């Protein structure tokens, strides 16, 4: 199971780009070790959404 944390600015970004990135009214988020991404269904690219907290291995 994967979980994702969102900051307020990440949620605001999702709202800003919702209509551009959603398919059939659903927004997909890709979860990677480097952060969260909004895949663009039109260009096959993706936009960096963010990383709410630094992972523990980066803090050390």
PDB file of N, CA and C in Angstrom:
ATOM      1  N   UNK A   1       0.844  -1.175   0.000  1.00  0.00           N
ATOM      2  CA  UNK A   1       0.000   0.000   0.000  1.00  0.00           C
ATOM      3  C   UNK A   1       0.892   1.243   0.000  1.00  0.00           C
ATOM      4  N   UNK A   2       0.461   2.238  -0.724  1.00  0.00           N
ATOM      5  CA  UNK A   2       1.180   3.513  -0.766  1.00  0.00           C
ATOM      6  C   UNK A   2       0.301   4.601  -0.162  1.00  0.00           C
ATOM      7  N   UNK A   3       0.939   5.539   0.496  1.00  0.00           N
ATOM      8  CA  UNK A   3       0.222   6.711   1.007  1.00  0.00           C
ATOM      9  C   UNK A   3       0.912   7.948   0.449  1.00  0.00           C
ATOM     10  N   UNK A   4       0.174   9.034   0.399  1.00  0.00           N
ATOM     11  CA  UNK A   4       0.729  10.296  -0.089  1.00  0.00           C
ATOM     12  C   UNK A   4       0.290  11.417   0.842  1.00  0.00           C
ATOM     13  N   UNK A   5       1.206  12.329   1.112  1.00  0.00           N
ATOM     14  CA  UNK A   5       0.912  13.509   1.921  1.00  0.00           C
ATOM     15  C   UNK A   5       0.901  14.725   1.006  1.00  0.00           C
ATOM     16  N   UNK A   6      -0.060  15.621   1.251  1.00  0.00           N
ATOM     17  CA  UNK A   6      -0.207  16.818   0.434  1.00  0.00           C
ATOM     18  C   UNK A   6      -0.161  18.060   1.305  1.00  0.00           C
ATOM     19  N   UNK A   7       0.616  19.043   0.884  1.00  0.00           N
ATOM     20  CA  UNK A   7       0.593  20.350   1.540  1.00  0.00           C
ATOM     21  C   UNK A   7      -0.530  21.173   0.901  1.00  0.00           C
ATOM     22  N   UNK A   8      -0.861  22.276   1.514  1.00  0.00           N
ATOM     23  CA  UNK A   8      -1.919  23.140   0.977  1.00  0.00           C
ATOM     24  C   UNK A   8      -1.579  23.599  -0.452  1.00  0.00           C
ATOM     25  N   UNK A   9      -0.331  23.992  -0.682  1.00  0.00           N
ATOM     26  CA  UNK A   9       0.021  24.466  -2.018  1.00  0.00           C
ATOM     27  C   UNK A   9      -0.047  23.358  -3.060  1.00  0.00           C
ATOM     28  N   UNK A  10       0.200  22.121  -2.659  1.00  0.00           N
ATOM     29  CA  UNK A  10       0.060  21.000  -3.586  1.00  0.00           C
ATOM     30  C   UNK A  10      -1.411  20.806  -3.969  1.00  0.00           C
ATOM     31  N   UNK A  11      -2.293  20.924  -3.003  1.00  0.00           N
ATOM     32  CA  UNK A  11      -3.726  20.803  -3.282  1.00  0.00           C
ATOM     33  C   UNK A  11      -4.193  21.951  -4.180  1.00  0.00           C
ATOM     34  N   UNK A  12      -3.691  23.144  -3.923  1.00  0.00           N
ATOM     35  CA  UNK A  12      -4.057  24.287  -4.765  1.00  0.00           C
ATOM     36  C   UNK A  12      -3.562  24.088  -6.201  1.00  0.00           C
ATOM     37  N   UNK A  13      -2.372  23.503  -6.357  1.00  0.00           N
ATOM     38  CA  UNK A  13      -1.862  23.203  -7.697  1.00  0.00           C
ATOM     39  C   UNK A  13      -2.754  22.181  -8.392  1.00  0.00           C
ATOM     40  N   UNK A  14      -3.181  21.167  -7.658  1.00  0.00           N
ATOM     41  CA  UNK A  14      -4.089  20.175  -8.255  1.00  0.00           C
ATOM     42  C   UNK A  14      -5.379  20.832  -8.733  1.00  0.00           C
ATOM     43  N   UNK A  15      -5.910  21.740  -7.930  1.00  0.00           N
ATOM     44  CA  UNK A  15      -7.128  22.442  -8.336  1.00  0.00           C
ATOM     45  C   UNK A  15      -6.886  23.321  -9.557  1.00  0.00           C
ATOM     46  N   UNK A  16      -5.756  23.997  -9.599  1.00  0.00           N
ATOM     47  CA  UNK A  16      -5.425  24.870 -10.721  1.00  0.00           C
ATOM     48  C   UNK A  16      -5.355  24.083 -12.032  1.00  0.00           C
ATOM     49  N   UNK A  17      -4.738  22.917 -12.000  1.00  0.00           N
ATOM     50  CA  UNK A  17      -4.513  22.133 -13.216  1.00  0.00           C
ATOM     51  C   UNK A  17      -5.518  21.001 -13.413  1.00  0.00           C
ATOM     52  N   UNK A  18      -6.525  20.917 -12.562  1.00  0.00           N
ATOM     53  CA  UNK A  18      -7.447  19.789 -12.602  1.00  0.00           C
ATOM     54  C   UNK A  18      -8.037  19.567 -13.994  1.00  0.00           C
ATOM     55  N   UNK A  19      -8.589  20.592 -14.594  1.00  0.00           N
ATOM     56  CA  UNK A  19      -9.254  20.425 -15.892  1.00  0.00           C
ATOM     57  C   UNK A  19      -8.283  20.015 -16.996  1.00  0.00           C
ATOM     58  N   UNK A  20      -7.033  20.456 -16.922  1.00  0.00           N
ATOM     59  CA  UNK A  20      -6.034  20.091 -17.924  1.00  0.00           C
ATOM     60  C   UNK A  20      -5.551  18.652 -17.776  1.00  0.00           C
ATOM     61  N   UNK A  21      -5.447  18.183 -16.546  1.00  0.00           N
ATOM     62  CA  UNK A  21      -4.811  16.888 -16.289  1.00  0.00           C
ATOM     63  C   UNK A  21      -5.793  15.756 -15.973  1.00  0.00           C
ATOM     64  N   UNK A  22      -7.031  16.071 -15.700  1.00  0.00           N
ATOM     65  CA  UNK A  22      -8.013  15.034 -15.353  1.00  0.00           C
ATOM     66  C   UNK A  22      -8.541  14.349 -16.606  1.00  0.00           C
ATOM     67  N   UNK A  23      -8.855  13.086 -16.451  1.00  0.00           N
ATOM     68  CA  UNK A  23      -9.528  12.321 -17.496  1.00  0.00           C
ATOM     69  C   UNK A  23     -10.844  11.826 -16.928  1.00  0.00           C
ATOM     70  N   UNK A  24     -11.928  12.165 -17.600  1.00  0.00           N
ATOM     71  CA  UNK A  24     -13.271  11.776 -17.150  1.00  0.00           C
ATOM     72  C   UNK A  24     -13.543  12.225 -15.716  1.00  0.00           C
ATOM     73  N   UNK A  25     -13.035  13.403 -15.354  1.00  0.00           N
ATOM     74  CA  UNK A  25     -13.282  13.957 -14.033  1.00  0.00           C
ATOM     75  C   UNK A  25     -12.447  13.359 -12.917  1.00  0.00           C
ATOM     76  N   UNK A  26     -11.397  12.606 -13.281  1.00  0.00           N
ATOM     77  CA  UNK A  26     -10.540  11.956 -12.279  1.00  0.00           C
ATOM     78  C   UNK A  26      -9.093  12.392 -12.510  1.00  0.00           C
ATOM     79  N   UNK A  27      -8.444  12.849 -11.452  1.00  0.00           N
ATOM     80  CA  UNK A  27      -7.046  13.276 -11.511  1.00  0.00           C
ATOM     81  C   UNK A  27      -6.153  12.156 -10.983  1.00  0.00           C
ATOM     82  N   UNK A  28      -5.186  11.749 -11.779  1.00  0.00           N
ATOM     83  CA  UNK A  28      -4.249  10.696 -11.379  1.00  0.00           C
ATOM     84  C   UNK A  28      -2.977  11.335 -10.829  1.00  0.00           C
ATOM     85  N   UNK A  29      -2.452  10.784  -9.751  1.00  0.00           N
ATOM     86  CA  UNK A  29      -1.201  11.233  -9.154  1.00  0.00           C
ATOM     87  C   UNK A  29      -0.215  10.068  -9.200  1.00  0.00           C
ATOM     88  N   UNK A  30       0.989  10.306  -9.719  1.00  0.00           N
ATOM     89  CA  UNK A  30       2.042   9.297  -9.677  1.00  0.00           C
ATOM     90  C   UNK A  30       2.869   9.517  -8.423  1.00  0.00           C
ATOM     91  N   UNK A  31       3.124   8.440  -7.696  1.00  0.00           N
ATOM     92  CA  UNK A  31       3.912   8.493  -6.468  1.00  0.00           C
ATOM     93  C   UNK A  31       5.272   7.853  -6.745  1.00  0.00           C
ATOM     94  N   UNK A  32       6.348   8.626  -6.566  1.00  0.00           N
ATOM     95  CA  UNK A  32       7.694   8.100  -6.726  1.00  0.00           C
ATOM     96  C   UNK A  32       8.506   8.458  -5.484  1.00  0.00           C
ATOM     97  N   UNK A  33       9.704   7.922  -5.390  1.00  0.00           N
ATOM     98  CA  UNK A  33      10.557   8.268  -4.244  1.00  0.00           C
ATOM     99  C   UNK A  33      11.012   9.711  -4.310  1.00  0.00           C
ATOM    100  N   UNK A  34      10.860  10.360  -5.459  1.00  0.00           N
ATOM    101  CA  UNK A  34      11.287  11.753  -5.626  1.00  0.00           C
ATOM    102  C   UNK A  34      10.145  12.745  -5.467  1.00  0.00           C
ATOM    103  N   UNK A  35       8.922  12.258  -5.215  1.00  0.00           N
ATOM    104  CA  UNK A  35       7.792  13.152  -5.016  1.00  0.00           C
ATOM    105  C   UNK A  35       6.547  12.701  -5.761  1.00  0.00           C
ATOM    106  N   UNK A  36       5.602  13.605  -5.862  1.00  0.00           N
ATOM    107  CA  UNK A  36       4.323  13.334  -6.499  1.00  0.00           C
ATOM    108  C   UNK A  36       4.252  14.079  -7.828  1.00  0.00           C
ATOM    109  N   UNK A  37       3.647  13.448  -8.815  1.00  0.00           N
ATOM    110  CA  UNK A  37       3.625  13.972 -10.172  1.00  0.00           C
ATOM    111  C   UNK A  37       2.213  13.933 -10.741  1.00  0.00           C
ATOM    112  N   UNK A  38       1.901  14.933 -11.575  1.00  0.00           N
ATOM    113  CA  UNK A  38       0.645  14.964 -12.318  1.00  0.00           C
ATOM    114  C   UNK A  38       0.939  14.543 -13.752  1.00  0.00           C
ATOM    115  N   UNK A  39       0.531  13.335 -14.144  1.00  0.00           N
ATOM    116  CA  UNK A  39       0.748  12.937 -15.532  1.00  0.00           C
ATOM    117  C   UNK A  39      -0.199  13.700 -16.463  1.00  0.00           C
ATOM    118  N   UNK A  40       0.330  14.169 -17.587  1.00  0.00           N
ATOM    119  CA  UNK A  40      -0.472  14.900 -18.558  1.00  0.00           C
ATOM    120  C   UNK A  40      -0.957  13.922 -19.631  1.00  0.00           C
ATOM    121  N   UNK A  41      -2.254  13.659 -19.689  1.00  0.00           N
ATOM    122  CA  UNK A  41      -2.768  12.674 -20.641  1.00  0.00           C
ATOM    123  C   UNK A  41      -2.627  13.101 -22.108  1.00  0.00           C
ATOM    124  N   UNK A  42      -2.433  14.379 -22.366  1.00  0.00           N
ATOM    125  CA  UNK A  42      -2.347  14.874 -23.742  1.00  0.00           C
ATOM    126  C   UNK A  42      -0.924  14.792 -24.302  1.00  0.00           C
ATOM    127  N   UNK A  43       0.081  15.029 -23.454  1.00  0.00           N
ATOM    128  CA  UNK A  43       1.456  15.113 -23.954  1.00  0.00           C
ATOM    129  C   UNK A  43       2.331  13.926 -23.541  1.00  0.00           C
ATOM    130  N   UNK A  44       1.820  13.060 -22.702  1.00  0.00           N
ATOM    131  CA  UNK A  44       2.578  11.933 -22.140  1.00  0.00           C
ATOM    132  C   UNK A  44       3.697  12.412 -21.215  1.00  0.00           C
ATOM    133  N   UNK A  45       3.750  13.718 -20.927  1.00  0.00           N
ATOM    134  CA  UNK A  45       4.711  14.248 -19.966  1.00  0.00           C
ATOM    135  C   UNK A  45       4.081  14.279 -18.585  1.00  0.00           C
ATOM    136  N   UNK A  46       4.765  14.888 -17.661  1.00  0.00           N
ATOM    137  CA  UNK A  46       4.211  15.037 -16.314  1.00  0.00           C
ATOM    138  C   UNK A  46       4.765  16.281 -15.662  1.00  0.00           C
ATOM    139  N   UNK A  47       4.020  16.790 -14.698  1.00  0.00           N
ATOM    140  CA  UNK A  47       4.401  17.993 -13.960  1.00  0.00           C
ATOM    141  C   UNK A  47       4.668  17.590 -12.514  1.00  0.00           C
ATOM    142  N   UNK A  48       5.761  18.110 -11.968  1.00  0.00           N
ATOM    143  CA  UNK A  48       6.081  17.848 -10.569  1.00  0.00           C
ATOM    144  C   UNK A  48       5.059  18.546  -9.681  1.00  0.00           C
ATOM    145  N   UNK A  49       4.395  17.781  -8.847  1.00  0.00           N
ATOM    146  CA  UNK A  49       3.420  18.345  -7.919  1.00  0.00           C
ATOM    147  C   UNK A  49       4.093  18.776  -6.625  1.00  0.00           C
ATOM    148  N   UNK A  50       4.997  17.959  -6.128  1.00  0.00           N
ATOM    149  CA  UNK A  50       5.705  18.342  -4.921  1.00  0.00           C
ATOM    150  C   UNK A  50       6.049  17.164  -4.036  1.00  0.00           C
ATOM    151  N   UNK A  51       6.596  17.514  -2.902  1.00  0.00           N
ATOM    152  CA  UNK A  51       6.975  16.563  -1.864  1.00  0.00           C
ATOM    153  C   UNK A  51       6.675  17.262  -0.546  1.00  0.00           C
ATOM    154  N   UNK A  52       5.676  16.787   0.177  1.00  0.00           N
ATOM    155  CA  UNK A  52       5.212  17.477   1.383  1.00  0.00           C
ATOM    156  C   UNK A  52       6.266  17.475   2.498  1.00  0.00           C
ATOM    157  N   UNK A  53       7.020  16.391   2.595  1.00  0.00           N
ATOM    158  CA  UNK A  53       8.073  16.278   3.626  1.00  0.00           C
ATOM    159  C   UNK A  53       9.289  15.596   3.023  1.00  0.00           C
ATOM    160  N   UNK A  54      10.457  15.971   3.492  1.00  0.00           N
ATOM    161  CA  UNK A  54      11.655  15.268   3.059  1.00  0.00           C
ATOM    162  C   UNK A  54      11.668  13.874   3.671  1.00  0.00           C
ATOM    163  N   UNK A  55      12.037  12.866   2.896  1.00  0.00           N
ATOM    164  CA  UNK A  55      12.159  11.510   3.450  1.00  0.00           C
ATOM    165  C   UNK A  55      13.268  11.466   4.507  1.00  0.00           C
ATOM    166  N   UNK A  56      13.161  10.547   5.426  1.00  0.00           N
ATOM    167  CA  UNK A  56      14.143  10.421   6.506  1.00  0.00           C
ATOM    168  C   UNK A  56      15.556  10.227   5.977  1.00  0.00           C
ATOM    169  N   UNK A  57      15.706   9.451   4.891  1.00  0.00           N
ATOM    170  CA  UNK A  57      17.053   9.193   4.384  1.00  0.00           C
ATOM    171  C   UNK A  57      17.709  10.460   3.821  1.00  0.00           C
ATOM    172  N   UNK A  58      16.941  11.476   3.465  1.00  0.00           N
ATOM    173  CA  UNK A  58      17.491  12.739   2.968  1.00  0.00           C
ATOM    174  C   UNK A  58      17.872  13.644   4.130  1.00  0.00           C
ATOM    175  N   UNK A  59      17.151  13.554   5.228  1.00  0.00           N
ATOM    176  CA  UNK A  59      17.399  14.409   6.390  1.00  0.00           C
ATOM    177  C   UNK A  59      18.720  14.092   7.071  1.00  0.00           C
ATOM    178  N   UNK A  60      19.219  12.887   6.924  1.00  0.00           N
ATOM    179  CA  UNK A  60      20.422  12.467   7.641  1.00  0.00           C
ATOM    180  C   UNK A  60      21.664  13.081   7.112  1.00  0.00           C
TER     181      UNK A  60
END
